[in-house]
Amino acid sequence: MINSRGAIPLLATLYWLAISGGAGAAEVRQPSQVAEWSGKDAAWVPTPAVLVDRMLDMAQVTPQDYVIDLGSGDGRCVIAAAKRGARALGVEYDANLVDWSKRVAATQGVADRVEFVQGDMYEADISQASVLALFLLPENLSVLTPKFLNLKPGARIVANSFEIEGWNPDETSRVSGDCGSWCTAHLYIVPAKVTGTWRLPLGLLTLRQKFQMLTGTLWSGGVRAPIKNGRLRGDQIWFTVGGVIYTGRVAGDAMHGTDGAWSAVRLRLSRR
């Protein structure tokens, strides 16, 4: 699904041969005519099958994942994730597409692992997702960004073509073949929240965060030193200060260095 408030309806066909495994797979009867699909915030354009596969590869989808697609269209991303053993949810405003997706899921043998609901993507509860597979315009992504950042650190977001404003992708990949204008996918790893002041055995570490990128200073022995190359990938953190490379993991208000090399606790300022 590609979304935009006030977007004009787009003409698109529903094609399933590529994602259903070829001629030997269970056949799904396609609409006999080109269909016009539009909704409250959306006009539907299908993600090419080759890019669906790449997106799910980038997110490293496994049976342990819960995948959500906001604006799920004909359900192809959700169904492809379910074929990898994941549980998956599609949120789609157009009731006809929801019904179509349910029929396809049943035909493809994954109805027990998927759910399709008719609803507003902005109102959907995505808090339990470990993977989001999306085809949304930048303005839609911007509205949803605060919800993205509240996902569990390490959750993966894969986006067809369009980037999230201000957030550098952790990985970008391009496919070839039958993908038309939609050949690029971007991967974002939801970072832990580390902004604040942390107490280390050797001093105080102050961190400022913009998505996965970090800046800040370490105050130790009366000397203030800037941190360099600060970065997060999920709950993993690394930075350099005073020529020393720090790597570790974040767990709420605690950080633990690799192999126990260091530790830190976030200071909470009292309010009076």
Protein backbone atom coordinates (compact mmCIF):
# COMPACT_ATOMS: atom_id res chain seq x y z
CA MET A 1 0.00 0.00 0.00
CA ILE A 2 1.16 3.51 -0.74
CA ASN A 3 -0.66 6.15 1.27
CA SER A 4 -1.31 9.87 1.19
CA ARG A 5 -4.07 12.09 2.48
CA GLY A 6 -6.04 13.27 -0.52
CA ALA A 7 -4.24 10.91 -2.88
CA ILE A 8 -6.13 10.28 -6.08
CA PRO A 9 -7.25 6.70 -6.75
CA LEU A 10 -4.73 4.61 -8.64
CA LEU A 11 -5.47 1.78 -11.02
CA ALA A 12 -3.80 -1.47 -10.03
CA THR A 13 -4.21 -5.16 -10.75
CA LEU A 14 -4.09 -7.92 -8.15
CA TYR A 15 -1.44 -10.44 -9.18
CA TRP A 16 -0.50 -13.46 -7.09
CA LEU A 17 1.33 -15.99 -9.23
CA ALA A 18 4.76 -14.72 -8.21
CA ILE A 19 4.21 -14.86 -4.45
CA SER A 20 2.18 -18.07 -4.43
CA GLY A 21 5.08 -20.18 -5.64
CA GLY A 22 4.31 -20.56 -9.34
CA ALA A 23 1.93 -22.65 -11.38
CA GLY A 24 2.08 -25.61 -9.00
CA ALA A 25 0.75 -23.64 -6.06
CA ALA A 26 -2.90 -23.32 -5.07
CA GLU A 27 -4.56 -21.03 -7.56
CA VAL A 28 -6.39 -17.89 -6.53
CA ARG A 29 -8.94 -16.42 -8.92
CA GLN A 30 -8.00 -12.85 -9.69
CA PRO A 31 -10.49 -10.06 -10.38
CA SER A 32 -11.49 -10.14 -14.01
CA GLN A 33 -11.00 -6.41 -14.47
CA VAL A 34 -8.50 -3.81 -13.41
CA ALA A 35 -9.77 -2.47 -10.10
CA GLU A 36 -9.71 1.00 -8.67
CA TRP A 37 -8.84 1.01 -5.00
CA SER A 38 -8.87 4.02 -2.73
CA GLY A 39 -9.62 4.64 0.91
CA LYS A 40 -9.58 7.20 3.68
CA ASP A 41 -5.83 7.94 3.41
CA ALA A 42 -4.78 5.57 0.72
CA ALA A 43 -4.40 4.60 -2.86
CA TRP A 44 -3.14 1.07 -3.35
CA VAL A 45 -0.03 0.18 -5.32
CA PRO A 46 1.27 -3.37 -4.85
CA THR A 47 4.82 -4.00 -3.68
CA PRO A 48 6.54 -6.22 -6.28
CA ALA A 49 6.99 -9.81 -5.10
CA VAL A 50 10.75 -9.64 -5.53
CA LEU A 51 10.89 -6.63 -3.20
CA VAL A 52 8.58 -8.26 -0.65
CA ASP A 53 11.08 -11.10 -0.38
CA ARG A 54 14.01 -8.72 -0.05
CA MET A 55 12.25 -6.68 2.64
CA LEU A 56 11.55 -9.79 4.71
CA ASP A 57 15.13 -10.97 4.18
CA MET A 58 16.47 -7.64 5.40
CA ALA A 59 14.28 -7.87 8.51
CA GLN A 60 15.45 -11.46 9.03
CA VAL A 61 11.88 -12.62 9.65
CA THR A 62 11.64 -15.90 11.58
CA PRO A 63 8.81 -17.90 13.20
CA GLN A 64 9.48 -15.95 16.41
CA ASP A 65 8.42 -12.66 14.82
CA TYR A 66 5.16 -10.76 14.83
CA VAL A 67 4.96 -8.80 11.57
CA ILE A 68 2.55 -5.90 11.00
CA ASP A 69 1.78 -4.19 7.70
CA LEU A 70 -0.03 -0.85 7.91
CA GLY A 71 -2.00 -0.35 4.72
CA SER A 72 -1.73 -4.03 3.84
CA GLY A 73 -3.55 -3.87 0.49
CA ASP A 74 -4.05 -7.37 -0.90
CA GLY A 75 -2.11 -8.86 2.01
CA ARG A 76 0.97 -9.98 0.14
CA CYS A 77 3.55 -8.87 2.75
CA VAL A 78 1.54 -10.40 5.59
CA ILE A 79 1.03 -13.69 3.75
CA ALA A 80 4.70 -13.86 2.69
CA ALA A 81 5.75 -13.37 6.33
CA ALA A 82 3.36 -16.11 7.45
CA LYS A 83 4.90 -18.46 4.89
CA ARG A 84 8.15 -17.97 6.80
CA GLY A 85 6.40 -19.12 9.96
CA ALA A 86 5.79 -15.69 11.50
CA ARG A 87 2.53 -14.46 12.94
CA ALA A 88 1.35 -11.43 11.02
CA LEU A 89 -1.29 -8.72 11.02
CA GLY A 90 -2.52 -6.56 8.15
CA VAL A 91 -4.35 -3.30 8.85
CA GLU A 92 -6.24 -2.04 5.81
CA TYR A 93 -8.92 0.64 5.48
CA ASP A 94 -10.58 -0.83 2.40
CA ALA A 95 -12.97 -3.60 3.49
CA ASN A 96 -12.91 -5.22 0.04
CA LEU A 97 -9.14 -5.62 0.21
CA VAL A 98 -9.44 -7.04 3.72
CA ASP A 99 -11.90 -9.67 2.48
CA TRP A 100 -9.70 -10.45 -0.51
CA SER A 101 -6.65 -10.86 1.74
CA LYS A 102 -8.49 -13.29 4.00
CA ARG A 103 -9.52 -15.41 1.01
CA VAL A 104 -5.98 -15.50 -0.34
CA ALA A 105 -4.53 -16.38 3.08
CA ALA A 106 -6.92 -19.31 3.36
CA THR A 107 -6.06 -20.52 -0.14
CA GLN A 108 -2.34 -20.23 0.63
CA GLY A 109 -2.70 -22.27 3.82
CA VAL A 110 -1.64 -19.58 6.31
CA ALA A 111 -4.99 -18.41 7.67
CA ASP A 112 -4.07 -19.72 11.13
CA ARG A 113 -1.04 -17.39 11.32
CA VAL A 114 -2.49 -14.17 9.91
CA GLU A 115 -5.12 -11.63 10.82
CA PHE A 116 -6.53 -8.92 8.58
CA VAL A 117 -8.54 -6.10 10.10
CA GLN A 118 -10.30 -3.11 8.63
CA GLY A 119 -9.04 0.03 10.33
CA ASP A 120 -7.08 3.27 10.37
CA MET A 121 -3.32 2.77 10.20
CA TYR A 122 -2.74 5.76 12.46
CA GLU A 123 -4.92 4.28 15.20
CA ALA A 124 -3.59 0.71 14.98
CA ASP A 125 -1.86 -0.80 18.00
CA ILE A 126 1.63 -1.71 16.77
CA SER A 127 3.25 -2.01 20.21
CA GLN A 128 3.77 -5.77 19.99
CA ALA A 129 5.34 -5.79 16.53
CA SER A 130 8.87 -7.07 16.14
CA VAL A 131 8.79 -6.23 12.41
CA LEU A 132 6.91 -3.57 10.44
CA ALA A 133 6.75 -4.08 6.67
CA LEU A 134 5.56 -0.82 5.09
CA PHE A 135 4.86 0.93 1.81
CA LEU A 136 3.96 4.45 2.92
CA LEU A 137 4.72 7.97 1.74
CA PRO A 138 7.11 10.16 3.76
CA GLU A 139 4.30 12.22 5.29
CA ASN A 140 2.61 9.06 6.57
CA LEU A 141 5.89 7.75 7.97
CA SER A 142 6.51 11.07 9.73
CA VAL A 143 3.17 10.91 11.53
CA LEU A 144 3.91 7.36 12.66
CA THR A 145 7.55 7.94 13.69
CA PRO A 146 6.81 8.55 17.40
CA LYS A 147 5.02 5.18 17.52
CA PHE A 148 7.95 3.54 15.73
CA LEU A 149 10.38 4.83 18.35
CA ASN A 150 8.23 3.38 21.15
CA LEU A 151 8.64 -0.14 19.81
CA LYS A 152 10.92 -2.51 21.69
CA PRO A 153 14.60 -1.79 20.93
CA GLY A 154 15.71 -4.08 18.14
CA ALA A 155 12.36 -4.08 16.34
CA ARG A 156 12.90 -3.85 12.58
CA ILE A 157 11.13 -1.56 10.16
CA VAL A 158 11.45 -2.24 6.44
CA ALA A 159 10.10 0.38 4.08
CA ASN A 160 9.49 0.17 0.36
CA SER A 161 11.26 3.06 -1.43
CA PHE A 162 10.50 5.97 0.90
CA GLU A 163 12.72 6.91 3.84
CA ILE A 164 11.72 8.09 7.30
CA GLU A 165 12.51 11.80 7.55
CA GLY A 166 15.60 12.52 9.64
CA TRP A 167 16.33 8.86 10.34
CA ASN A 168 19.22 7.38 8.38
CA PRO A 169 18.49 3.78 7.33
CA ASP A 170 20.65 1.12 8.95
CA GLU A 171 20.67 -0.64 5.59
CA THR A 172 19.45 0.04 2.05
CA SER A 173 19.09 -2.61 -0.61
CA ARG A 174 18.04 -2.57 -4.25
CA VAL A 175 16.62 -5.47 -6.24
CA SER A 176 16.60 -6.08 -9.97
CA GLY A 177 14.13 -7.83 -12.19
CA ASP A 178 10.39 -7.31 -12.27
CA CYS A 179 10.08 -4.45 -9.80
CA GLY A 180 9.15 -1.48 -11.99
CA SER A 181 9.63 1.77 -10.07
CA TRP A 182 9.66 0.03 -6.68
CA CYS A 183 13.05 -1.64 -6.38
CA THR A 184 14.55 -0.19 -3.17
CA ALA A 185 14.02 -1.11 0.47
CA HIS A 186 15.27 0.57 3.63
CA LEU A 187 15.85 -1.11 6.98
CA TYR A 188 15.59 0.71 10.31
CA ILE A 189 16.47 -0.86 13.66
CA VAL A 190 14.56 0.74 16.53
CA PRO A 191 17.19 2.09 18.96
CA ALA A 192 17.13 1.99 22.74
CA LYS A 193 16.49 5.34 24.42
CA VAL A 194 19.70 6.56 26.06
CA THR A 195 19.40 10.34 26.27
CA GLY A 196 20.47 11.53 29.73
CA THR A 197 23.31 11.39 32.22
CA TRP A 198 24.88 8.05 33.12
CA ARG A 199 27.20 7.24 36.02
CA LEU A 200 30.22 5.15 35.11
CA PRO A 201 32.89 4.07 37.60
CA LEU A 202 35.27 6.63 36.09
CA GLY A 203 32.83 9.58 35.80
CA LEU A 204 29.62 10.94 34.29
CA LEU A 205 28.58 10.26 30.72
CA THR A 206 26.06 12.64 29.13
CA LEU A 207 24.38 11.37 25.96
CA ARG A 208 22.23 13.13 23.37
CA GLN A 209 20.40 11.03 20.82
CA LYS A 210 18.98 11.54 17.35
CA PHE A 211 17.48 8.22 16.35
CA GLN A 212 20.44 5.78 16.38
CA MET A 213 23.16 8.47 16.34
CA LEU A 214 24.78 9.64 19.59
CA THR A 215 26.76 12.66 20.74
CA GLY A 216 27.81 13.67 24.23
CA THR A 217 30.65 14.03 26.70
CA LEU A 218 32.39 12.11 29.44
CA TRP A 219 33.34 14.06 32.56
CA SER A 220 36.17 12.26 34.36
CA GLY A 221 38.90 13.49 36.71
CA GLY A 222 37.97 17.11 36.08
CA VAL A 223 38.33 16.71 32.31
CA ARG A 224 35.44 16.82 29.84
CA ALA A 225 35.99 14.74 26.69
CA PRO A 226 33.60 14.46 23.71
CA ILE A 227 32.42 11.06 22.58
CA LYS A 228 32.98 10.06 18.96
CA ASN A 229 31.37 7.55 16.62
CA GLY A 230 28.44 7.07 18.98
CA ARG A 231 25.77 4.77 17.61
CA LEU A 232 23.00 2.37 18.56
CA ARG A 233 21.63 -0.70 16.82
CA GLY A 234 18.67 -1.85 18.81
CA ASP A 235 19.96 -2.35 22.36
CA GLN A 236 23.58 -2.46 21.22
CA ILE A 237 25.66 0.67 21.88
CA TRP A 238 29.16 1.73 20.95
CA PHE A 239 31.14 4.94 21.20
CA THR A 240 34.73 6.13 21.51
CA VAL A 241 36.04 8.56 24.12
CA GLY A 242 39.65 9.39 24.93
CA GLY A 243 40.81 6.83 22.39
CA VAL A 244 38.95 4.01 24.19
CA ILE A 245 36.20 2.11 22.37
CA TYR A 246 33.17 1.23 24.49
CA THR A 247 30.73 -1.46 23.34
CA GLY A 248 27.83 -2.94 25.26
CA ARG A 249 24.09 -3.30 25.63
CA VAL A 250 21.35 -1.10 27.04
CA ALA A 251 18.66 -2.47 29.35
CA GLY A 252 16.39 0.36 30.46
CA ASP A 253 18.37 2.52 32.88
CA ALA A 254 21.44 0.28 32.86
CA MET A 255 24.23 -0.36 30.39
CA HIS A 256 26.62 -3.29 30.52
CA GLY A 257 29.86 -3.41 28.61
CA THR A 258 30.84 -6.35 26.46
CA ASP A 259 32.39 -9.09 28.62
CA GLY A 260 31.67 -6.99 31.70
CA ALA A 261 34.33 -4.45 30.78
CA TRP A 262 32.25 -1.52 32.06
CA SER A 263 28.82 -0.60 33.34
CA ALA A 264 26.67 2.51 33.72
CA VAL A 265 23.45 3.55 35.44
CA ARG A 266 21.24 6.39 34.25
CA LEU A 267 20.70 9.16 36.81
CA ARG A 268 17.12 10.20 37.41
CA LEU A 269 16.73 13.81 38.46
CA SER A 270 14.21 14.32 41.23
CA ARG A 271 11.44 16.85 40.69
CA ARG A 272 10.38 19.13 43.52
